[in-house]
Amino acid sequence: MKPRFTFVLVAAALALAGSAQAAPAEDYIAANKCGKCHTEKTTKKGPSFASLAAKYKGDAGATAKLLNTLKTGGSVDHDKATGSDADLQAVITFILASK
């Protein structure tokens, strides 16, 4: 009985930790009006988060590429993102986890 209870506690802790990670990213996305051009599932002016996640699935360098695009504007018509590297990493993690 104890192993099952421990498993439930660990699963609950992981679920709560995942929710805690998404909140700063969602706050950043809302505060910086990323939704003007991006949505979670549909393409507007910019690609959806889900399409970016699909594009970079399995790409070990995806985080670095997206961080560079956010910080510099990249070769696309993207505003330079402001904020700490930690904020931008949270956003990238959120984007890459989109389905």
Protein backbone atom coordinates (compact mmCIF):
# COMPACT_ATOMS: atom_id res chain seq x y z
CA MET A 1 0.00 0.00 0.00
CA LYS A 2 2.83 2.44 0.78
CA PRO A 3 4.39 2.32 -2.72
CA ARG A 4 1.04 3.23 -4.29
CA PHE A 5 0.59 6.15 -1.88
CA THR A 6 4.13 7.36 -2.59
CA PHE A 7 3.48 7.15 -6.33
CA VAL A 8 0.32 9.24 -5.97
CA LEU A 9 2.19 11.88 -3.97
CA VAL A 10 5.01 12.06 -6.50
CA ALA A 11 2.56 12.27 -9.41
CA ALA A 12 0.64 15.06 -7.69
CA ALA A 13 3.85 16.98 -6.96
CA LEU A 14 4.96 16.71 -10.59
CA ALA A 15 1.58 17.86 -11.84
CA LEU A 16 1.66 20.89 -9.58
CA ALA A 17 5.23 21.68 -10.58
CA GLY A 18 4.23 21.67 -14.25
CA SER A 19 1.42 24.10 -13.52
CA ALA A 20 3.80 26.38 -11.65
CA GLN A 21 6.12 26.49 -14.67
CA ALA A 22 3.38 27.47 -17.09
CA ALA A 23 2.11 30.43 -15.06
CA PRO A 24 5.19 32.70 -15.49
CA ALA A 25 5.27 31.94 -19.21
CA GLU A 26 1.57 32.68 -19.63
CA ASP A 27 1.98 35.88 -17.61
CA TYR A 28 4.88 36.97 -19.84
CA ILE A 29 2.95 36.13 -23.01
CA ALA A 30 -0.04 38.17 -21.82
CA ALA A 31 2.02 41.12 -20.54
CA ASN A 32 4.03 41.37 -23.75
CA LYS A 33 1.01 40.97 -26.02
CA CYS A 34 2.42 37.94 -27.84
CA GLY A 35 -1.21 37.01 -28.55
CA LYS A 36 -1.42 39.81 -31.13
CA CYS A 37 0.43 37.54 -33.54
CA HIS A 38 0.50 34.08 -31.92
CA THR A 39 -2.09 31.73 -30.46
CA GLU A 40 -1.74 28.31 -28.98
CA LYS A 41 -3.28 26.38 -31.89
CA THR A 42 -4.06 28.62 -34.87
CA THR A 43 -1.86 30.73 -37.09
CA LYS A 44 -2.44 34.47 -37.05
CA LYS A 45 0.27 36.85 -38.18
CA GLY A 46 2.84 34.51 -36.62
CA PRO A 47 2.95 30.73 -36.23
CA SER A 48 0.97 29.02 -33.51
CA PHE A 49 2.77 27.65 -30.48
CA ALA A 50 1.66 24.15 -31.50
CA SER A 51 3.18 24.51 -34.97
CA LEU A 52 6.45 25.76 -33.47
CA ALA A 53 6.50 22.79 -31.09
CA ALA A 54 5.95 20.43 -34.03
CA LYS A 55 8.63 22.15 -36.10
CA TYR A 56 11.24 21.88 -33.36
CA LYS A 57 10.24 18.46 -32.00
CA GLY A 58 13.38 16.40 -31.46
CA ASP A 59 15.69 19.34 -32.26
CA ALA A 60 18.30 19.54 -29.49
CA GLY A 61 19.12 23.12 -30.47
CA ALA A 62 15.52 24.34 -30.46
CA THR A 63 15.79 26.29 -27.22
CA ALA A 64 18.91 28.15 -28.36
CA LYS A 65 17.38 28.91 -31.76
CA LEU A 66 14.15 30.24 -30.28
CA LEU A 67 16.01 32.23 -27.62
CA ASN A 68 18.11 33.85 -30.34
CA THR A 69 15.00 34.68 -32.38
CA LEU A 70 13.29 36.22 -29.35
CA LYS A 71 16.33 38.28 -28.31
CA THR A 72 17.39 39.51 -31.75
CA GLY A 73 14.23 39.41 -33.81
CA GLY A 74 15.93 36.80 -35.98
CA SER A 75 15.56 36.80 -39.74
CA VAL A 76 11.81 37.08 -39.38
CA ASP A 77 9.72 40.15 -38.65
CA HIS A 78 9.66 39.62 -34.89
CA ASP A 79 10.03 42.26 -32.21
CA LYS A 80 12.96 41.86 -29.87
CA ALA A 81 11.72 40.32 -26.65
CA THR A 82 12.50 42.05 -23.41
CA GLY A 83 12.86 40.27 -20.12
CA SER A 84 15.30 38.06 -18.34
CA ASP A 85 16.72 34.89 -19.83
CA ALA A 86 14.74 32.98 -17.20
CA ASP A 87 11.49 34.57 -18.43
CA LEU A 88 12.32 33.79 -22.04
CA GLN A 89 13.35 30.21 -21.17
CA ALA A 90 9.98 29.73 -19.44
CA VAL A 91 8.18 30.99 -22.56
CA ILE A 92 10.20 28.69 -24.80
CA THR A 93 9.51 25.70 -22.55
CA PHE A 94 5.81 26.56 -22.67
CA ILE A 95 5.87 26.88 -26.46
CA LEU A 96 7.75 23.63 -27.02
CA ALA A 97 5.29 21.79 -24.76
CA SER A 98 2.30 23.00 -26.80
CA LYS A 99 0.20 20.45 -28.68
